[in-house]
Amino acid sequence: MNSLYKKIDEILWNDWDPIGVNDIAPRDEYQSYVPEIYKMVMENKTETEIAERLHKIERETMGMFGNKEHCKDIANKIMKK
């Protein structure tokens, strides 16, 4: 696993955590989203595109209201690789 992939995994687990379970859930709770976000970074997608994808995952996959501003902060953190 390369360092960028690992960094994205850690950011999603420690910082994104949209369902607030990183202190009780299995460590792999968000790992299924890492390949897609990693691919977006490697394809030079914008911070906005990454934030929108994270927000869409929150709303459509997780069934939550989602927090667009938080997703922007997470995308910014990811892009500061």
N, C-alpha and C. Protein backbone atom coordinates (compact mmCIF):
# COMPACT_ATOMS: atom_id res chain seq x y z
N MET A 1 0.86 -1.18 0.00
CA MET A 1 0.00 0.00 0.00
C MET A 1 0.90 1.24 0.00
N ASN A 2 0.70 2.12 -0.96
CA ASN A 2 1.57 3.30 -1.00
C ASN A 2 1.13 4.34 0.03
N SER A 3 1.98 5.33 0.25
CA SER A 3 1.74 6.28 1.33
C SER A 3 0.51 7.16 1.09
N LEU A 4 0.22 7.54 -0.16
CA LEU A 4 -0.96 8.35 -0.43
C LEU A 4 -2.23 7.54 -0.15
N TYR A 5 -2.26 6.31 -0.57
CA TYR A 5 -3.42 5.45 -0.33
C TYR A 5 -3.66 5.31 1.17
N LYS A 6 -2.57 5.08 1.90
CA LYS A 6 -2.64 4.94 3.35
C LYS A 6 -3.11 6.24 4.00
N LYS A 7 -2.62 7.37 3.50
CA LYS A 7 -3.02 8.67 4.04
C LYS A 7 -4.52 8.90 3.84
N ILE A 8 -5.03 8.58 2.67
CA ILE A 8 -6.46 8.74 2.40
C ILE A 8 -7.27 7.85 3.34
N ASP A 9 -6.82 6.62 3.52
CA ASP A 9 -7.49 5.70 4.44
C ASP A 9 -7.54 6.30 5.85
N GLU A 10 -6.43 6.83 6.31
CA GLU A 10 -6.36 7.40 7.65
C GLU A 10 -7.25 8.65 7.78
N ILE A 11 -7.28 9.49 6.75
CA ILE A 11 -8.12 10.70 6.79
C ILE A 11 -9.60 10.32 6.83
N LEU A 12 -9.99 9.35 6.01
CA LEU A 12 -11.39 8.94 6.01
C LEU A 12 -11.78 8.37 7.37
N TRP A 13 -10.91 7.59 7.97
CA TRP A 13 -11.20 6.97 9.26
C TRP A 13 -11.17 7.98 10.40
N ASN A 14 -10.11 8.76 10.49
CA ASN A 14 -9.92 9.66 11.63
C ASN A 14 -10.68 10.97 11.52
N ASP A 15 -10.79 11.51 10.31
CA ASP A 15 -11.32 12.86 10.16
C ASP A 15 -12.70 12.93 9.51
N TRP A 16 -12.93 12.11 8.50
CA TRP A 16 -14.22 12.16 7.80
C TRP A 16 -15.29 11.54 8.69
N ASP A 17 -15.18 10.27 8.98
CA ASP A 17 -16.04 9.53 9.91
C ASP A 17 -17.48 10.06 9.98
N PRO A 18 -18.21 10.06 8.86
CA PRO A 18 -19.53 10.69 8.84
C PRO A 18 -20.57 10.05 9.76
N ILE A 19 -20.37 8.78 10.11
CA ILE A 19 -21.36 8.16 11.00
C ILE A 19 -20.87 8.12 12.45
N GLY A 20 -19.69 8.68 12.70
CA GLY A 20 -19.20 8.83 14.06
C GLY A 20 -18.94 7.52 14.79
N VAL A 21 -18.30 6.59 14.11
CA VAL A 21 -18.08 5.28 14.71
C VAL A 21 -16.61 4.88 14.83
N ASN A 22 -15.69 5.79 14.55
CA ASN A 22 -14.30 5.35 14.52
C ASN A 22 -13.75 4.96 15.89
N ASP A 23 -14.54 5.15 16.94
CA ASP A 23 -14.09 4.68 18.25
C ASP A 23 -14.72 3.34 18.64
N ILE A 24 -15.70 2.86 17.83
CA ILE A 24 -16.37 1.61 18.18
C ILE A 24 -16.47 0.59 17.04
N ALA A 25 -16.41 1.05 15.80
CA ALA A 25 -16.60 0.16 14.65
C ALA A 25 -15.28 -0.52 14.26
N PRO A 26 -15.38 -1.56 13.46
CA PRO A 26 -14.16 -2.18 12.93
C PRO A 26 -13.36 -1.15 12.12
N ARG A 27 -12.06 -1.27 12.16
CA ARG A 27 -11.17 -0.31 11.50
C ARG A 27 -11.42 -0.20 10.00
N ASP A 28 -12.01 -1.20 9.40
CA ASP A 28 -12.21 -1.17 7.94
C ASP A 28 -13.53 -0.52 7.52
N GLU A 29 -14.21 0.14 8.42
CA GLU A 29 -15.54 0.71 8.16
C GLU A 29 -15.61 1.54 6.87
N TYR A 30 -14.58 2.36 6.60
CA TYR A 30 -14.61 3.25 5.43
C TYR A 30 -13.62 2.83 4.34
N GLN A 31 -12.97 1.71 4.51
CA GLN A 31 -11.93 1.32 3.55
C GLN A 31 -12.46 1.04 2.16
N SER A 32 -13.72 0.73 2.03
CA SER A 32 -14.27 0.46 0.69
C SER A 32 -14.32 1.73 -0.16
N TYR A 33 -14.22 2.91 0.47
CA TYR A 33 -14.26 4.17 -0.28
C TYR A 33 -12.88 4.66 -0.68
N VAL A 34 -11.85 4.08 -0.08
CA VAL A 34 -10.48 4.54 -0.34
C VAL A 34 -10.07 4.38 -1.80
N PRO A 35 -10.30 3.24 -2.45
CA PRO A 35 -9.86 3.10 -3.85
C PRO A 35 -10.44 4.18 -4.77
N GLU A 36 -11.71 4.49 -4.60
CA GLU A 36 -12.34 5.49 -5.46
C GLU A 36 -11.76 6.88 -5.22
N ILE A 37 -11.56 7.26 -3.96
CA ILE A 37 -11.01 8.58 -3.66
C ILE A 37 -9.56 8.64 -4.11
N TYR A 38 -8.82 7.57 -3.90
CA TYR A 38 -7.42 7.51 -4.37
C TYR A 38 -7.37 7.69 -5.88
N LYS A 39 -8.24 7.00 -6.59
CA LYS A 39 -8.28 7.10 -8.06
C LYS A 39 -8.59 8.54 -8.48
N MET A 40 -9.50 9.18 -7.79
CA MET A 40 -9.84 10.56 -8.12
C MET A 40 -8.63 11.48 -7.96
N VAL A 41 -7.87 11.27 -6.90
CA VAL A 41 -6.66 12.08 -6.68
C VAL A 41 -5.66 11.82 -7.80
N MET A 42 -5.46 10.55 -8.14
CA MET A 42 -4.50 10.20 -9.18
C MET A 42 -4.93 10.73 -10.55
N GLU A 43 -6.23 10.91 -10.75
CA GLU A 43 -6.74 11.45 -12.02
C GLU A 43 -6.81 12.98 -11.99
N ASN A 44 -6.22 13.58 -10.96
CA ASN A 44 -6.17 15.04 -10.81
C ASN A 44 -7.55 15.68 -10.76
N LYS A 45 -8.50 14.97 -10.12
CA LYS A 45 -9.81 15.57 -9.90
C LYS A 45 -9.63 16.73 -8.92
N THR A 46 -10.54 17.67 -8.97
CA THR A 46 -10.42 18.85 -8.12
C THR A 46 -10.86 18.54 -6.69
N GLU A 47 -10.47 19.40 -5.80
CA GLU A 47 -10.89 19.30 -4.41
C GLU A 47 -12.43 19.32 -4.32
N THR A 48 -13.04 20.16 -5.13
CA THR A 48 -14.50 20.26 -5.15
C THR A 48 -15.13 18.94 -5.60
N GLU A 49 -14.56 18.32 -6.62
CA GLU A 49 -15.11 17.04 -7.10
C GLU A 49 -15.00 15.96 -6.02
N ILE A 50 -13.89 15.95 -5.31
CA ILE A 50 -13.71 14.96 -4.24
C ILE A 50 -14.69 15.24 -3.11
N ALA A 51 -14.84 16.49 -2.74
CA ALA A 51 -15.80 16.86 -1.69
C ALA A 51 -17.22 16.46 -2.08
N GLU A 52 -17.57 16.70 -3.33
CA GLU A 52 -18.91 16.34 -3.80
C GLU A 52 -19.13 14.83 -3.75
N ARG A 53 -18.10 14.07 -4.09
CA ARG A 53 -18.23 12.61 -4.05
C ARG A 53 -18.40 12.12 -2.61
N LEU A 54 -17.60 12.67 -1.69
CA LEU A 54 -17.74 12.29 -0.28
C LEU A 54 -19.14 12.63 0.23
N HIS A 55 -19.62 13.79 -0.15
CA HIS A 55 -20.95 14.21 0.28
C HIS A 55 -22.02 13.29 -0.31
N LYS A 56 -21.84 12.90 -1.55
CA LYS A 56 -22.80 11.99 -2.19
C LYS A 56 -22.80 10.62 -1.48
N ILE A 57 -21.63 10.15 -1.10
CA ILE A 57 -21.53 8.88 -0.36
C ILE A 57 -22.31 9.01 0.96
N GLU A 58 -22.11 10.12 1.65
CA GLU A 58 -22.83 10.33 2.91
C GLU A 58 -24.34 10.26 2.71
N ARG A 59 -24.82 10.93 1.68
CA ARG A 59 -26.26 11.03 1.45
C ARG A 59 -26.84 9.76 0.84
N GLU A 60 -26.24 9.27 -0.23
CA GLU A 60 -26.85 8.19 -0.99
C GLU A 60 -26.48 6.79 -0.51
N THR A 61 -25.25 6.62 -0.09
CA THR A 61 -24.82 5.29 0.34
C THR A 61 -25.11 5.06 1.82
N MET A 62 -24.87 6.11 2.63
CA MET A 62 -25.04 5.96 4.07
C MET A 62 -26.42 6.41 4.55
N GLY A 63 -27.16 7.10 3.69
CA GLY A 63 -28.50 7.54 4.05
C GLY A 63 -28.53 8.65 5.09
N MET A 64 -27.49 9.48 5.09
CA MET A 64 -27.41 10.56 6.05
C MET A 64 -27.72 11.89 5.37
N PHE A 65 -27.85 12.95 6.16
CA PHE A 65 -28.06 14.28 5.58
C PHE A 65 -26.80 14.76 4.88
N GLY A 66 -25.67 14.41 5.43
CA GLY A 66 -24.39 14.83 4.87
C GLY A 66 -24.02 16.23 5.33
N ASN A 67 -22.73 16.49 5.31
CA ASN A 67 -22.22 17.78 5.74
C ASN A 67 -21.25 18.27 4.67
N LYS A 68 -21.76 19.11 3.79
CA LYS A 68 -20.98 19.57 2.64
C LYS A 68 -19.69 20.30 3.06
N GLU A 69 -19.78 21.15 4.07
CA GLU A 69 -18.60 21.90 4.53
C GLU A 69 -17.54 20.96 5.08
N HIS A 70 -17.98 19.97 5.86
CA HIS A 70 -17.02 19.00 6.40
C HIS A 70 -16.35 18.22 5.26
N CYS A 71 -17.13 17.86 4.26
CA CYS A 71 -16.56 17.15 3.11
C CYS A 71 -15.53 18.01 2.39
N LYS A 72 -15.78 19.31 2.31
CA LYS A 72 -14.80 20.22 1.70
C LYS A 72 -13.51 20.24 2.51
N ASP A 73 -13.64 20.26 3.83
CA ASP A 73 -12.45 20.24 4.70
C ASP A 73 -11.66 18.94 4.51
N ILE A 74 -12.37 17.83 4.40
CA ILE A 74 -11.71 16.53 4.22
C ILE A 74 -11.02 16.48 2.86
N ALA A 75 -11.69 16.94 1.83
CA ALA A 75 -11.09 16.96 0.48
C ALA A 75 -9.84 17.83 0.48
N ASN A 76 -9.89 18.95 1.16
CA ASN A 76 -8.73 19.83 1.26
C ASN A 76 -7.56 19.11 1.94
N LYS A 77 -7.86 18.40 2.99
CA LYS A 77 -6.82 17.64 3.71
C LYS A 77 -6.21 16.56 2.81
N ILE A 78 -7.06 15.89 2.06
CA ILE A 78 -6.58 14.85 1.14
C ILE A 78 -5.67 15.46 0.06
N MET A 79 -6.07 16.60 -0.45
CA MET A 79 -5.31 17.21 -1.53
C MET A 79 -3.97 17.80 -1.07
N LYS A 80 -3.80 17.98 0.21
CA LYS A 80 -2.54 18.49 0.74
C LYS A 80 -1.50 17.38 0.89
N LYS A 81 -1.70 16.33 0.15
CA LYS A 81 -0.80 15.18 0.18
C LYS A 81 0.60 15.63 0.16
